[in-house]
């Protein structure tokens, strides 16, 4: 029987913004913090959290400007802003030592967080992103800038999202709808609109993705076990960069997810097998 657990939706005040997060319970278990990608929300980890919630206290945040977190009035969407939010978020929750999982943009945030807080990481999972930008990052920026602003219904929105993502087409219908609900809200006309701050989208289309901090030195210094997840059909993380990351890390391991484009959902059979093994060590 499928796990139908629903998380608690909570928020904390960080850097003057309300940061929404999903709490999957089991607070006596080791904590795990999840940070989503540019086009996602905390709900991107729902199926993943249901798999691991018996072993971990899983919390997933909506990054500022995304999901149900507050938009920055100043348009402050640099990685430094997001890293500061993550630092404030884990402090607000009282997490001293935890496992950190970051997908795409969330992986950059997670690696940058480790610059000054690597000693607080029990383990790190970097999902399909590296220190160096590759061609797929520009593709994502342009796709987001060109997508429709609203949809007549959630069904229409789901259909559009499926047309843009091979990975989504492998998910169950309930997963597809749940993932869509995390990034869409009801508009004034009764249709559906994106939750992502449009100013963030416009700035990124005009100026490109925010410059990544220097992350190779972070990986060189990082001492916690670190898993690099690589979608073998990804145009955001190449095999060459993924293998360089693993060789740079003191305790690095590579997890290829066969035929997955950017970014694996971390619920594919390959991904769950590798994650179960990595997190059980």
Protein backbone atom coordinates (compact mmCIF):
# COMPACT_ATOMS: atom_id res chain seq x y z
CA UNK A 1 0.00 0.00 0.00
CA UNK A 2 1.49 3.41 -0.93
CA UNK A 3 2.64 5.78 1.83
CA UNK A 4 0.08 8.60 1.90
CA UNK A 5 1.74 10.55 4.72
CA UNK A 6 1.31 14.33 4.59
CA UNK A 7 3.91 16.64 6.15
CA UNK A 8 3.26 19.54 8.49
CA UNK A 9 3.59 22.89 6.73
CA UNK A 10 5.44 25.33 8.94
CA UNK A 11 7.40 28.55 8.63
CA UNK A 12 10.21 30.39 10.38
CA UNK A 13 11.41 33.99 10.15
CA UNK A 14 14.87 34.17 8.59
CA UNK A 15 16.64 37.31 7.38
CA UNK A 16 13.37 39.21 7.54
CA UNK A 17 11.48 36.70 5.37
CA UNK A 18 8.95 33.99 6.16
CA UNK A 19 10.58 30.74 5.01
CA UNK A 20 8.10 27.93 4.53
CA UNK A 21 9.12 24.32 5.11
CA UNK A 22 7.67 20.83 5.21
CA UNK A 23 8.30 18.74 8.31
CA UNK A 24 7.86 14.98 7.91
CA UNK A 25 7.97 14.17 11.63
CA UNK A 26 10.00 11.54 13.49
CA UNK A 27 11.83 14.25 15.40
CA UNK A 28 13.84 11.78 17.47
CA UNK A 29 15.57 10.49 14.31
CA UNK A 30 18.71 12.03 12.78
CA UNK A 31 17.82 15.25 10.93
CA UNK A 32 17.95 15.59 7.15
CA UNK A 33 17.53 18.95 5.40
CA UNK A 34 16.53 19.11 1.71
CA UNK A 35 16.99 22.09 -0.63
CA UNK A 36 15.27 22.09 -4.02
CA UNK A 37 16.24 23.40 -7.46
CA UNK A 38 15.41 26.60 -9.37
CA UNK A 39 12.13 25.32 -10.84
CA UNK A 40 11.07 23.34 -7.77
CA UNK A 41 9.76 23.67 -4.24
CA UNK A 42 9.91 21.77 -0.97
CA UNK A 43 7.32 19.40 -2.44
CA UNK A 44 9.96 18.15 -4.88
CA UNK A 45 11.14 15.90 -2.02
CA UNK A 46 7.74 14.48 -1.01
CA UNK A 47 8.17 10.98 -2.46
CA UNK A 48 11.81 10.94 -1.33
CA UNK A 49 10.80 11.97 2.20
CA UNK A 50 8.15 9.26 2.40
CA UNK A 51 10.85 6.70 1.63
CA UNK A 52 13.24 7.93 4.33
CA UNK A 53 10.93 9.31 7.02
CA UNK A 54 11.11 6.10 9.07
CA UNK A 55 14.89 6.61 9.46
CA UNK A 56 15.26 10.40 9.37
CA UNK A 57 13.58 13.56 10.53
CA UNK A 58 13.21 15.05 7.05
CA UNK A 59 12.60 18.77 6.57
CA UNK A 60 12.46 20.49 3.18
CA UNK A 61 12.50 24.27 2.80
CA UNK A 62 11.02 26.48 0.11
CA UNK A 63 13.93 28.68 -0.94
CA UNK A 64 13.11 32.42 -0.82
CA UNK A 65 10.96 33.45 -3.76
CA UNK A 66 9.84 29.86 -4.33
CA UNK A 67 6.90 27.78 -3.17
CA UNK A 68 5.16 29.34 -0.18
CA UNK A 69 8.20 31.24 1.08
CA UNK A 70 8.14 35.01 0.96
CA UNK A 71 9.46 36.95 -2.02
CA UNK A 72 12.41 39.31 -1.49
CA UNK A 73 11.20 42.89 -1.80
CA UNK A 74 14.72 43.89 -2.89
CA UNK A 75 15.01 41.09 -5.46
CA UNK A 76 17.87 39.58 -3.43
CA UNK A 77 18.30 36.18 -5.06
CA UNK A 78 22.04 35.69 -5.12
CA UNK A 79 23.54 32.49 -3.78
CA UNK A 80 24.86 34.41 -0.76
CA UNK A 81 21.27 35.34 0.15
CA UNK A 82 20.09 31.74 -0.18
CA UNK A 83 23.03 30.35 1.78
CA UNK A 84 22.39 32.85 4.56
CA UNK A 85 18.77 31.71 4.64
CA UNK A 86 19.83 28.07 4.92
CA UNK A 87 22.19 28.91 7.78
CA UNK A 88 19.45 30.82 9.58
CA UNK A 89 16.91 28.10 8.87
CA UNK A 90 18.90 25.25 10.43
CA UNK A 91 19.78 27.47 13.39
CA UNK A 92 16.09 28.33 13.88
CA UNK A 93 15.31 24.60 13.96
CA UNK A 94 18.16 23.98 16.41
CA UNK A 95 19.97 21.50 14.13
CA UNK A 96 23.60 21.13 15.14
CA UNK A 97 24.57 18.16 12.97
CA UNK A 98 22.55 16.97 9.99
CA UNK A 99 22.52 15.38 6.56
CA UNK A 100 22.08 17.89 3.74
CA UNK A 101 20.53 17.05 0.36
CA UNK A 102 20.64 19.63 -2.42
CA UNK A 103 19.18 19.31 -5.92
CA UNK A 104 20.54 21.51 -8.73
CA UNK A 105 20.37 25.10 -7.39
CA UNK A 106 19.94 23.52 -3.96
CA UNK A 107 23.20 21.64 -4.54
CA UNK A 108 25.04 24.90 -5.14
CA UNK A 109 23.46 26.36 -2.01
CA UNK A 110 24.48 23.23 -0.08
CA UNK A 111 28.08 23.27 -1.30
CA UNK A 112 28.35 27.00 -0.56
CA UNK A 113 26.88 26.44 2.92
CA UNK A 114 29.69 23.95 3.54
CA UNK A 115 32.24 26.73 3.01
CA UNK A 116 31.81 27.88 6.61
CA UNK A 117 29.70 25.08 8.08
CA UNK A 118 31.19 21.84 6.78
CA UNK A 119 31.75 20.60 10.32
CA UNK A 120 27.98 20.55 10.86
CA UNK A 121 27.33 18.16 7.99
CA UNK A 122 26.94 14.49 8.82
CA UNK A 123 26.63 13.66 5.13
CA UNK A 124 26.07 15.62 1.93
CA UNK A 125 24.14 14.63 -1.20
CA UNK A 126 24.75 16.81 -4.28
CA UNK A 127 22.13 16.07 -6.92
CA UNK A 128 23.18 16.70 -10.53
CA UNK A 129 25.11 19.95 -10.22
CA UNK A 130 28.76 20.90 -10.02
CA UNK A 131 31.00 23.85 -9.26
CA UNK A 132 31.24 24.73 -12.97
CA UNK A 133 28.22 25.78 -15.04
CA UNK A 134 27.44 23.68 -18.10
CA UNK A 135 25.17 24.19 -21.11
CA UNK A 136 21.98 22.97 -19.45
CA UNK A 137 21.91 25.84 -16.96
CA UNK A 138 21.36 28.39 -19.75
CA UNK A 139 18.71 26.12 -21.29
CA UNK A 140 16.76 26.06 -18.02
CA UNK A 141 16.95 29.84 -17.66
CA UNK A 142 15.56 30.36 -21.17
CA UNK A 143 12.84 27.70 -20.75
CA UNK A 144 11.59 29.27 -17.54
CA UNK A 145 11.60 32.72 -19.11
CA UNK A 146 9.56 31.50 -22.09
CA UNK A 147 6.96 29.37 -20.29
CA UNK A 148 3.30 30.45 -20.06
CA UNK A 149 2.51 32.69 -17.12
CA UNK A 150 -0.76 30.96 -16.25
CA UNK A 151 -2.93 27.95 -17.04
CA UNK A 152 -6.67 27.37 -17.12
CA UNK A 153 -6.41 24.41 -14.72
CA UNK A 154 -3.99 22.25 -12.76
CA UNK A 155 -4.46 19.56 -15.42
CA UNK A 156 -3.29 21.95 -18.13
CA UNK A 157 -0.29 22.90 -16.01
CA UNK A 158 0.63 19.27 -15.38
CA UNK A 159 0.41 18.55 -19.11
CA UNK A 160 2.76 21.44 -19.85
CA UNK A 161 5.24 20.29 -17.22
CA UNK A 162 5.19 16.76 -18.62
CA UNK A 163 5.93 18.12 -22.10
CA UNK A 164 9.05 19.80 -20.71
CA UNK A 165 10.45 16.95 -18.63
CA UNK A 166 11.15 13.34 -19.49
CA UNK A 167 11.87 12.67 -15.83
CA UNK A 168 8.39 13.78 -14.77
CA UNK A 169 6.82 11.36 -17.25
CA UNK A 170 8.28 8.47 -15.25
CA UNK A 171 6.51 9.59 -12.04
CA UNK A 172 3.08 8.43 -10.93
CA UNK A 173 0.06 10.60 -11.71
CA UNK A 174 -0.33 11.50 -8.05
CA UNK A 175 3.35 12.50 -7.87
CA UNK A 176 2.99 14.67 -10.98
CA UNK A 177 0.02 16.51 -9.52
CA UNK A 178 1.66 16.92 -6.11
CA UNK A 179 4.85 18.29 -7.65
CA UNK A 180 2.82 20.75 -9.76
CA UNK A 181 0.87 21.93 -6.71
CA UNK A 182 4.15 22.83 -5.03
CA UNK A 183 5.07 25.36 -7.72
CA UNK A 184 1.61 26.66 -8.74
CA UNK A 185 -1.12 28.65 -7.00
CA UNK A 186 -4.65 29.68 -7.86
CA UNK A 187 -4.74 33.00 -9.70
CA UNK A 188 -7.27 35.81 -9.49
CA UNK A 189 -9.10 34.51 -12.57
CA UNK A 190 -9.48 31.03 -11.12
CA UNK A 191 -6.66 29.54 -13.18
CA UNK A 192 -3.18 28.55 -12.03
CA UNK A 193 -0.09 30.75 -11.82
CA UNK A 194 3.53 30.08 -10.91
CA UNK A 195 4.56 30.69 -7.30
CA UNK A 196 8.11 31.66 -8.32
CA UNK A 197 8.74 35.40 -7.96
CA UNK A 198 8.52 36.81 -11.53
CA UNK A 199 11.20 39.37 -10.69
CA UNK A 200 13.60 36.49 -10.03
CA UNK A 201 12.77 35.02 -13.46
CA UNK A 202 13.14 38.36 -15.28
CA UNK A 203 16.46 39.16 -13.61
CA UNK A 204 17.83 35.72 -14.44
CA UNK A 205 16.74 35.88 -18.09
CA UNK A 206 18.23 39.37 -18.45
CA UNK A 207 21.46 38.84 -16.53
CA UNK A 208 21.94 35.09 -16.54
CA UNK A 209 22.05 32.77 -13.56
CA UNK A 210 23.77 34.19 -10.46
CA UNK A 211 27.53 33.70 -10.47
CA UNK A 212 28.51 30.59 -8.56
CA UNK A 213 30.90 30.98 -5.66
CA UNK A 214 34.27 29.22 -5.80
CA UNK A 215 33.23 25.67 -4.92
CA UNK A 216 36.19 23.48 -5.90
CA UNK A 217 38.12 24.59 -2.78
CA UNK A 218 35.03 23.74 -0.71
CA UNK A 219 34.99 20.21 -2.07
CA UNK A 220 38.73 19.85 -1.46
CA UNK A 221 38.29 20.80 2.21
CA UNK A 222 35.06 18.91 2.90
CA UNK A 223 35.53 15.93 5.22
CA UNK A 224 32.03 14.45 5.49
CA UNK A 225 30.91 11.53 3.28
CA UNK A 226 29.52 13.08 0.10
CA UNK A 227 27.45 11.48 -2.64
CA UNK A 228 27.42 13.01 -6.12
CA UNK A 229 24.24 12.02 -7.96
CA UNK A 230 24.59 12.23 -11.74
CA UNK A 231 21.78 11.77 -14.26
CA UNK A 232 23.50 10.03 -17.15
CA UNK A 233 21.43 12.04 -19.69
CA UNK A 234 21.96 15.36 -17.88
CA UNK A 235 23.18 18.47 -19.70
CA UNK A 236 23.75 20.29 -16.41
CA UNK A 237 26.34 17.89 -14.95
CA UNK A 238 28.66 15.99 -17.28
CA UNK A 239 30.27 12.69 -16.40
CA UNK A 240 33.68 14.35 -16.53
CA UNK A 241 32.74 17.00 -13.95
CA UNK A 242 30.93 14.47 -11.75
CA UNK A 243 34.01 12.23 -11.65
CA UNK A 244 36.27 15.19 -10.96
CA UNK A 245 34.05 16.10 -8.01
CA UNK A 246 34.33 12.61 -6.57
CA UNK A 247 38.11 12.54 -6.98
CA UNK A 248 38.37 15.98 -5.32
CA UNK A 249 36.32 15.00 -2.28
CA UNK A 250 38.01 13.29 0.66
CA UNK A 251 35.09 10.86 1.04
CA UNK A 252 33.29 11.12 -2.28
CA UNK A 253 31.15 8.57 -4.09
CA UNK A 254 29.36 8.69 -7.45
CA UNK A 255 25.78 7.57 -8.01
CA UNK A 256 24.81 7.40 -11.71
CA UNK A 257 21.06 7.39 -12.38
CA UNK A 258 20.58 5.64 -15.70
CA UNK A 259 18.86 7.63 -18.48
CA UNK A 260 17.83 10.43 -16.10
CA UNK A 261 17.90 13.98 -17.42
CA UNK A 262 18.45 16.96 -15.14
CA UNK A 263 17.70 16.54 -12.36
CA UNK A 264 16.97 13.04 -11.02
CA UNK A 265 14.00 12.99 -8.64
CA UNK A 266 15.92 10.81 -6.15
CA UNK A 267 13.14 8.23 -6.29
CA UNK A 268 14.32 6.30 -9.35
CA UNK A 269 15.26 2.67 -8.56
CA UNK A 270 18.96 3.41 -9.18
CA UNK A 271 18.80 6.48 -6.97
CA UNK A 272 17.00 4.82 -4.05
CA UNK A 273 19.32 1.82 -4.10
CA UNK A 274 22.38 4.06 -4.00
CA UNK A 275 20.93 6.43 -1.43
CA UNK A 276 19.86 3.60 0.86
CA UNK A 277 23.43 2.24 0.73
CA UNK A 278 25.07 5.64 1.25
CA UNK A 279 22.84 6.75 4.10
CA UNK A 280 23.10 3.41 5.90
CA UNK A 281 26.86 3.61 6.27
